[in-house]
Amino acid sequence: YATWRQEDGIWVCDGIDSSRSPDPRIGLLASDLRRA
């Protein structure tokens, strides 16, 4: 049921357990999120 969207030119996930969430408390650091 996870959803994806573009934010600042990259794809991020709104899943509550996703490492690719833009929420720094859940996902990768912003720099790693962009690298991935």
All heavy atoms as atom14 arrays in JSON, in Angstrom:
{
  "sequence": "YATWRQEDGIWVCDGIDSSRSPDPRIGLLASDLRRA",
  "atom14_mask": [
    [1, 1, 1, 1, 1, 1, 1, 1, 1, 1, 1, 1, 0, 0],
    [1, 1, 1, 1, 1, 0, 0, 0, 0, 0, 0, 0, 0, 0],
    [1, 1, 1, 1, 1, 1, 1, 0, 0, 0, 0, 0, 0, 0],
    [1, 1, 1, 1, 1, 1, 1, 1, 1, 1, 1, 1, 1, 1],
    [1, 1, 1, 1, 1, 1, 1, 1, 1, 1, 1, 0, 0, 0],
    [1, 1, 1, 1, 1, 1, 1, 1, 1, 0, 0, 0, 0, 0],
    [1, 1, 1, 1, 1, 1, 1, 1, 1, 0, 0, 0, 0, 0],
    [1, 1, 1, 1, 1, 1, 1, 1, 0, 0, 0, 0, 0, 0],
    [1, 1, 1, 1, 0, 0, 0, 0, 0, 0, 0, 0, 0, 0],
    [1, 1, 1, 1, 1, 1, 1, 1, 0, 0, 0, 0, 0, 0],
    [1, 1, 1, 1, 1, 1, 1, 1, 1, 1, 1, 1, 1, 1],
    [1, 1, 1, 1, 1, 1, 1, 0, 0, 0, 0, 0, 0, 0],
    [1, 1, 1, 1, 1, 1, 0, 0, 0, 0, 0, 0, 0, 0],
    [1, 1, 1, 1, 1, 1, 1, 1, 0, 0, 0, 0, 0, 0],
    [1, 1, 1, 1, 0, 0, 0, 0, 0, 0, 0, 0, 0, 0],
    [1, 1, 1, 1, 1, 1, 1, 1, 0, 0, 0, 0, 0, 0],
    [1, 1, 1, 1, 1, 1, 1, 1, 0, 0, 0, 0, 0, 0],
    [1, 1, 1, 1, 1, 1, 0, 0, 0, 0, 0, 0, 0, 0],
    [1, 1, 1, 1, 1, 1, 0, 0, 0, 0, 0, 0, 0, 0],
    [1, 1, 1, 1, 1, 1, 1, 1, 1, 1, 1, 0, 0, 0],
    [1, 1, 1, 1, 1, 1, 0, 0, 0, 0, 0, 0, 0, 0],
    [1, 1, 1, 1, 1, 1, 1, 0, 0, 0, 0, 0, 0, 0],
    [1, 1, 1, 1, 1, 1, 1, 1, 0, 0, 0, 0, 0, 0],
    [1, 1, 1, 1, 1, 1, 1, 0, 0, 0, 0, 0, 0, 0],
    [1, 1, 1, 1, 1, 1, 1, 1, 1, 1, 1, 0, 0, 0],
    [1, 1, 1, 1, 1, 1, 1, 1, 0, 0, 0, 0, 0, 0],
    [1, 1, 1, 1, 0, 0, 0, 0, 0, 0, 0, 0, 0, 0],
    [1, 1, 1, 1, 1, 1, 1, 1, 0, 0, 0, 0, 0, 0],
    [1, 1, 1, 1, 1, 1, 1, 1, 0, 0, 0, 0, 0, 0],
    [1, 1, 1, 1, 1, 0, 0, 0, 0, 0, 0, 0, 0, 0],
    [1, 1, 1, 1, 1, 1, 0, 0, 0, 0, 0, 0, 0, 0],
    [1, 1, 1, 1, 1, 1, 1, 1, 0, 0, 0, 0, 0, 0],
    [1, 1, 1, 1, 1, 1, 1, 1, 0, 0, 0, 0, 0, 0],
    [1, 1, 1, 1, 1, 1, 1, 1, 1, 1, 1, 0, 0, 0],
    [1, 1, 1, 1, 1, 1, 1, 1, 1, 1, 1, 0, 0, 0],
    [1, 1, 1, 1, 1, 0, 0, 0, 0, 0, 0, 0, 0, 0]
  ],
  "atom14_positions": [
    [[0.81, -1.23, 0.0], [0.0, 0.0, 0.0], [0.84, 1.28, 0.0], [0.3, 2.37, 0.12], [-0.94, 0.0, 1.21], [-1.92, -1.14, 1.2], [-1.8, -2.2, 2.09], [-2.95, -1.2, 0.26], [-2.69, -3.28, 2.06], [-3.85, -2.25, 0.22], [-3.71, -3.29, 1.14], [-4.58, -4.35, 1.11], [0.0, 0.0, 0.0], [0.0, 0.0, 0.0]],
    [[2.14, 1.14, -0.13], [3.01, 2.32, -0.11], [2.81, 3.15, -1.38], [2.6, 2.61, -2.47], [4.47, 1.89, 0.0], [0.0, 0.0, 0.0], [0.0, 0.0, 0.0], [0.0, 0.0, 0.0], [0.0, 0.0, 0.0], [0.0, 0.0, 0.0], [0.0, 0.0, 0.0], [0.0, 0.0, 0.0], [0.0, 0.0, 0.0], [0.0, 0.0, 0.0]],
    [[2.89, 4.45, -1.21], [2.77, 5.36, -2.36], [4.09, 6.1, -2.57], [4.86, 6.32, -1.63], [1.64, 6.39, -2.13], [1.9, 7.12, -0.92], [0.31, 5.69, -2.01], [0.0, 0.0, 0.0], [0.0, 0.0, 0.0], [0.0, 0.0, 0.0], [0.0, 0.0, 0.0], [0.0, 0.0, 0.0], [0.0, 0.0, 0.0], [0.0, 0.0, 0.0]],
    [[4.33, 6.48, -3.82], [5.55, 7.18, -4.21], [5.19, 8.51, -4.85], [4.14, 8.65, -5.47], [6.36, 6.34, -5.2], [6.88, 5.06, -4.64], [6.19, 3.9, -4.46], [8.2, 4.8, -4.17], [7.0, 2.93, -3.92], [8.25, 3.46, -3.73], [9.37, 5.58, -4.1], [9.4, 2.87, -3.21], [10.52, 4.99, -3.59], [10.53, 3.66, -3.15]],
    [[6.06, 9.48, -4.69], [5.85, 10.8, -5.31], [7.21, 11.44, -5.54], [8.22, 11.02, -4.98], [4.99, 11.69, -4.41], [5.59, 11.92, -3.04], [4.65, 12.7, -2.13], [5.13, 12.74, -0.76], [6.02, 13.59, -0.29], [6.54, 14.52, -1.11], [6.41, 13.55, 0.97], [0.0, 0.0, 0.0], [0.0, 0.0, 0.0], [0.0, 0.0, 0.0]],
    [[7.22, 12.45, -6.38], [8.44, 13.19, -6.62], [8.52, 14.4, -5.7], [7.53, 15.12, -5.5], [8.52, 13.63, -8.07], [8.89, 12.48, -9.02], [9.27, 13.0, -10.39], [8.47, 13.62, -11.06], [10.5, 12.71, -10.81], [0.0, 0.0, 0.0], [0.0, 0.0, 0.0], [0.0, 0.0, 0.0], [0.0, 0.0, 0.0], [0.0, 0.0, 0.0]],
    [[9.69, 14.6, -5.15], [9.93, 15.74, -4.27], [11.35, 16.25, -4.53], [12.31, 15.5, -4.42], [9.78, 15.33, -2.8], [9.98, 16.46, -1.81], [9.74, 16.03, -0.37], [8.57, 15.75, -0.04], [10.71, 15.97, 0.42], [0.0, 0.0, 0.0], [0.0, 0.0, 0.0], [0.0, 0.0, 0.0], [0.0, 0.0, 0.0], [0.0, 0.0, 0.0]],
    [[11.46, 17.5, -4.9], [12.76, 18.11, -5.21], [13.53, 17.31, -6.26], [14.75, 17.14, -6.19], [13.62, 18.24, -3.94], [13.0, 19.19, -2.93], [12.3, 20.13, -3.36], [13.2, 18.98, -1.73], [0.0, 0.0, 0.0], [0.0, 0.0, 0.0], [0.0, 0.0, 0.0], [0.0, 0.0, 0.0], [0.0, 0.0, 0.0], [0.0, 0.0, 0.0]],
    [[12.78, 16.79, -7.25], [13.42, 16.13, -8.38], [13.78, 14.68, -8.17], [14.39, 14.06, -9.05], [0.0, 0.0, 0.0], [0.0, 0.0, 0.0], [0.0, 0.0, 0.0], [0.0, 0.0, 0.0], [0.0, 0.0, 0.0], [0.0, 0.0, 0.0], [0.0, 0.0, 0.0], [0.0, 0.0, 0.0], [0.0, 0.0, 0.0], [0.0, 0.0, 0.0]],
    [[13.42, 14.08, -7.03], [13.7, 12.66, -6.8], [12.44, 11.95, -6.32], [11.51, 12.59, -5.8], [14.83, 12.44, -5.78], [14.42, 12.98, -4.4], [16.13, 13.07, -6.26], [15.38, 12.61, -3.3], [0.0, 0.0, 0.0], [0.0, 0.0, 0.0], [0.0, 0.0, 0.0], [0.0, 0.0, 0.0], [0.0, 0.0, 0.0], [0.0, 0.0, 0.0]],
    [[12.41, 10.63, -6.49], [11.28, 9.85, -6.03], [11.47, 9.48, -4.56], [12.53, 9.01, -4.15], [11.13, 8.58, -6.87], [10.54, 8.83, -8.21], [11.2, 9.08, -9.37], [9.15, 8.87, -8.53], [10.32, 9.27, -10.41], [9.05, 9.15, -9.92], [7.98, 8.7, -7.79], [7.83, 9.25, -10.57], [6.75, 8.8, -8.44], [6.68, 9.09, -9.81]],
    [[10.42, 9.73, -3.77], [10.43, 9.38, -2.35], [9.18, 8.57, -2.05], [8.2, 8.58, -2.8], [10.49, 10.63, -1.45], [11.79, 11.39, -1.67], [9.29, 11.54, -1.69], [0.0, 0.0, 0.0], [0.0, 0.0, 0.0], [0.0, 0.0, 0.0], [0.0, 0.0, 0.0], [0.0, 0.0, 0.0], [0.0, 0.0, 0.0], [0.0, 0.0, 0.0]],
    [[9.23, 7.84, -0.94], [8.13, 6.95, -0.58], [7.46, 7.44, 0.71], [8.14, 7.84, 1.66], [8.66, 5.53, -0.38], [7.39, 4.31, 0.01], [0.0, 0.0, 0.0], [0.0, 0.0, 0.0], [0.0, 0.0, 0.0], [0.0, 0.0, 0.0], [0.0, 0.0, 0.0], [0.0, 0.0, 0.0], [0.0, 0.0, 0.0], [0.0, 0.0, 0.0]],
    [[6.14, 7.36, 0.74], [5.4, 7.77, 1.93], [5.09, 6.6, 2.85], [4.34, 6.74, 3.82], [4.09, 8.46, 1.52], [4.34, 9.83, 0.91], [5.26, 10.52, 1.39], [3.63, 10.21, -0.04], [0.0, 0.0, 0.0], [0.0, 0.0, 0.0], [0.0, 0.0, 0.0], [0.0, 0.0, 0.0], [0.0, 0.0, 0.0], [0.0, 0.0, 0.0]],
    [[5.67, 5.43, 2.57], [5.49, 4.29, 3.47], [6.06, 4.58, 4.84], [7.14, 5.15, 4.98], [0.0, 0.0, 0.0], [0.0, 0.0, 0.0], [0.0, 0.0, 0.0], [0.0, 0.0, 0.0], [0.0, 0.0, 0.0], [0.0, 0.0, 0.0], [0.0, 0.0, 0.0], [0.0, 0.0, 0.0], [0.0, 0.0, 0.0], [0.0, 0.0, 0.0]],
    [[5.34, 4.17, 5.87], [5.73, 4.54, 7.24], [7.01, 3.82, 7.69], [7.59, 4.21, 8.71], [4.6, 4.27, 8.24], [4.23, 2.78, 8.23], [3.38, 5.13, 7.92], [3.22, 2.41, 9.31], [0.0, 0.0, 0.0], [0.0, 0.0, 0.0], [0.0, 0.0, 0.0], [0.0, 0.0, 0.0], [0.0, 0.0, 0.0], [0.0, 0.0, 0.0]],
    [[7.44, 2.8, 6.98], [8.65, 2.08, 7.35], [9.72, 2.14, 6.27], [10.69, 1.37, 6.31], [8.33, 0.61, 7.64], [7.36, 0.43, 8.8], [7.63, 1.0, 9.87], [6.34, -0.26, 8.63], [0.0, 0.0, 0.0], [0.0, 0.0, 0.0], [0.0, 0.0, 0.0], [0.0, 0.0, 0.0], [0.0, 0.0, 0.0], [0.0, 0.0, 0.0]],
    [[9.55, 3.02, 5.3], [10.45, 3.02, 4.15], [11.72, 3.83, 4.41], [11.65, 4.98, 4.88], [9.74, 3.59, 2.92], [10.62, 3.63, 1.81], [0.0, 0.0, 0.0], [0.0, 0.0, 0.0], [0.0, 0.0, 0.0], [0.0, 0.0, 0.0], [0.0, 0.0, 0.0], [0.0, 0.0, 0.0], [0.0, 0.0, 0.0], [0.0, 0.0, 0.0]],
    [[12.85, 3.25, 4.04], [14.12, 3.97, 4.14], [14.17, 5.13, 3.16], [15.01, 6.02, 3.29], [15.29, 3.03, 3.87], [15.21, 2.51, 2.56], [0.0, 0.0, 0.0], [0.0, 0.0, 0.0], [0.0, 0.0, 0.0], [0.0, 0.0, 0.0], [0.0, 0.0, 0.0], [0.0, 0.0, 0.0], [0.0, 0.0, 0.0], [0.0, 0.0, 0.0]],
    [[13.26, 5.13, 2.19], [13.25, 6.19, 1.19], [12.17, 7.23, 1.49], [11.76, 7.99, 0.62], [13.11, 5.59, -0.2], [14.34, 4.72, -0.54], [14.28, 4.12, -1.9], [14.31, 5.15, -2.94], [14.15, 4.9, -4.22], [13.94, 3.65, -4.62], [14.19, 5.87, -5.11], [0.0, 0.0, 0.0], [0.0, 0.0, 0.0], [0.0, 0.0, 0.0]],
    [[11.77, 7.26, 2.73], [10.87, 8.31, 3.19], [11.63, 9.62, 3.34], [12.77, 9.62, 3.8], [10.25, 7.92, 4.53], [9.62, 9.04, 5.14], [0.0, 0.0, 0.0], [0.0, 0.0, 0.0], [0.0, 0.0, 0.0], [0.0, 0.0, 0.0], [0.0, 0.0, 0.0], [0.0, 0.0, 0.0], [0.0, 0.0, 0.0], [0.0, 0.0, 0.0]],
    [[11.02, 10.76, 3.0], [11.71, 12.04, 3.19], [11.73, 12.48, 4.66], [12.41, 13.45, 4.99], [10.87, 13.0, 2.34], [9.51, 12.4, 2.31], [9.73, 10.91, 2.32], [0.0, 0.0, 0.0], [0.0, 0.0, 0.0], [0.0, 0.0, 0.0], [0.0, 0.0, 0.0], [0.0, 0.0, 0.0], [0.0, 0.0, 0.0], [0.0, 0.0, 0.0]],
    [[11.01, 11.77, 5.51], [11.02, 12.08, 6.94], [12.34, 11.59, 7.53], [12.6, 10.38, 7.55], [9.84, 11.39, 7.63], [9.7, 11.78, 9.09], [10.71, 12.21, 9.7], [8.6, 11.64, 9.64], [0.0, 0.0, 0.0], [0.0, 0.0, 0.0], [0.0, 0.0, 0.0], [0.0, 0.0, 0.0], [0.0, 0.0, 0.0], [0.0, 0.0, 0.0]],
    [[13.21, 12.47, 8.04], [14.53, 12.06, 8.52], [14.46, 11.13, 9.73], [15.44, 10.46, 10.05], [15.21, 13.39, 8.86], [14.1, 14.34, 9.12], [13.0, 13.93, 8.17], [0.0, 0.0, 0.0], [0.0, 0.0, 0.0], [0.0, 0.0, 0.0], [0.0, 0.0, 0.0], [0.0, 0.0, 0.0], [0.0, 0.0, 0.0], [0.0, 0.0, 0.0]],
    [[13.32, 11.1, 10.41], [13.19, 10.19, 11.56], [12.98, 8.75, 11.11], [13.12, 7.81, 11.9], [12.01, 10.63, 12.44], [12.19, 12.0, 13.08], [10.9, 12.48, 13.68], [9.85, 12.64, 12.66], [8.62, 13.04, 12.93], [8.26, 13.3, 14.17], [7.74, 13.17, 11.95], [0.0, 0.0, 0.0], [0.0, 0.0, 0.0], [0.0, 0.0, 0.0]],
    [[12.63, 8.56, 9.83], [12.32, 7.23, 9.3], [13.31, 6.82, 8.22], [13.85, 5.71, 8.25], [10.9, 7.21, 8.71], [9.87, 7.56, 9.78], [10.6, 5.85, 8.08], [8.48, 7.77, 9.23], [0.0, 0.0, 0.0], [0.0, 0.0, 0.0], [0.0, 0.0, 0.0], [0.0, 0.0, 0.0], [0.0, 0.0, 0.0], [0.0, 0.0, 0.0]],
    [[13.53, 7.72, 7.27], [14.29, 7.37, 6.08], [15.77, 7.71, 6.16], [16.3, 8.08, 7.21], [0.0, 0.0, 0.0], [0.0, 0.0, 0.0], [0.0, 0.0, 0.0], [0.0, 0.0, 0.0], [0.0, 0.0, 0.0], [0.0, 0.0, 0.0], [0.0, 0.0, 0.0], [0.0, 0.0, 0.0], [0.0, 0.0, 0.0], [0.0, 0.0, 0.0]],
    [[16.42, 7.56, 5.02], [17.83, 7.89, 4.9], [18.04, 9.39, 5.09], [17.09, 10.19, 5.0], [18.32, 7.49, 3.51], [18.26, 5.99, 3.15], [18.46, 5.82, 1.64], [19.3, 5.22, 3.92], [0.0, 0.0, 0.0], [0.0, 0.0, 0.0], [0.0, 0.0, 0.0], [0.0, 0.0, 0.0], [0.0, 0.0, 0.0], [0.0, 0.0, 0.0]],
    [[19.27, 9.76, 5.35], [19.6, 11.18, 5.36], [19.33, 11.77, 3.99], [19.38, 11.07, 2.97], [21.07, 11.37, 5.74], [21.49, 10.84, 7.11], [22.99, 10.97, 7.29], [20.74, 11.57, 8.22], [0.0, 0.0, 0.0], [0.0, 0.0, 0.0], [0.0, 0.0, 0.0], [0.0, 0.0, 0.0], [0.0, 0.0, 0.0], [0.0, 0.0, 0.0]],
    [[19.04, 13.05, 3.94], [18.64, 13.7, 2.69], [19.65, 13.47, 1.57], [19.28, 13.21, 0.42], [18.43, 15.19, 2.93], [0.0, 0.0, 0.0], [0.0, 0.0, 0.0], [0.0, 0.0, 0.0], [0.0, 0.0, 0.0], [0.0, 0.0, 0.0], [0.0, 0.0, 0.0], [0.0, 0.0, 0.0], [0.0, 0.0, 0.0], [0.0, 0.0, 0.0]],
    [[20.95, 13.53, 1.91], [21.98, 13.34, 0.88], [21.97, 11.91, 0.35], [22.14, 11.68, -0.85], [23.36, 13.68, 1.45], [23.64, 12.89, 2.6], [0.0, 0.0, 0.0], [0.0, 0.0, 0.0], [0.0, 0.0, 0.0], [0.0, 0.0, 0.0], [0.0, 0.0, 0.0], [0.0, 0.0, 0.0], [0.0, 0.0, 0.0], [0.0, 0.0, 0.0]],
    [[21.76, 10.94, 1.25], [21.71, 9.54, 0.83], [20.42, 9.24, 0.06], [20.41, 8.43, -0.87], [21.81, 8.62, 2.05], [23.2, 8.6, 2.65], [24.15, 8.96, 1.93], [23.34, 8.21, 3.82], [0.0, 0.0, 0.0], [0.0, 0.0, 0.0], [0.0, 0.0, 0.0], [0.0, 0.0, 0.0], [0.0, 0.0, 0.0], [0.0, 0.0, 0.0]],
    [[19.35, 9.89, 0.46], [18.08, 9.71, -0.24], [18.22, 10.12, -1.7], [17.74, 9.43, -2.61], [17.0, 10.56, 0.45], [15.55, 10.23, 0.21], [15.21, 8.84, 0.73], [14.64, 11.27, 0.87], [0.0, 0.0, 0.0], [0.0, 0.0, 0.0], [0.0, 0.0, 0.0], [0.0, 0.0, 0.0], [0.0, 0.0, 0.0], [0.0, 0.0, 0.0]],
    [[18.9, 11.21, -1.93], [19.12, 11.68, -3.3], [20.08, 10.75, -4.05], [19.85, 10.43, -5.22], [19.66, 13.11, -3.3], [19.89, 13.71, -4.68], [20.11, 15.2, -4.61], [18.89, 15.89, -4.16], [17.86, 16.18, -4.94], [17.88, 15.86, -6.23], [16.81, 16.8, -4.43], [0.0, 0.0, 0.0], [0.0, 0.0, 0.0], [0.0, 0.0, 0.0]],
    [[21.14, 10.32, -3.39], [22.08, 9.39, -4.05], [21.38, 8.11, -4.46], [21.57, 7.62, -5.58], [23.23, 9.06, -3.1], [24.32, 10.1, -3.02], [25.62, 9.48, -2.51], [25.45, 8.82, -1.24], [26.26, 7.87, -0.78], [27.28, 7.46, -1.51], [26.07, 7.34, 0.41], [0.0, 0.0, 0.0], [0.0, 0.0, 0.0], [0.0, 0.0, 0.0]],
    [[20.56, 7.56, -3.56], [19.85, 6.32, -3.87], [18.92, 6.5, -5.05], [18.88, 5.67, -5.97], [19.08, 5.84, -2.64], [0.0, 0.0, 0.0], [0.0, 0.0, 0.0], [0.0, 0.0, 0.0], [0.0, 0.0, 0.0], [0.0, 0.0, 0.0], [0.0, 0.0, 0.0], [0.0, 0.0, 0.0], [0.0, 0.0, 0.0], [0.0, 0.0, 0.0]]
  ]
}
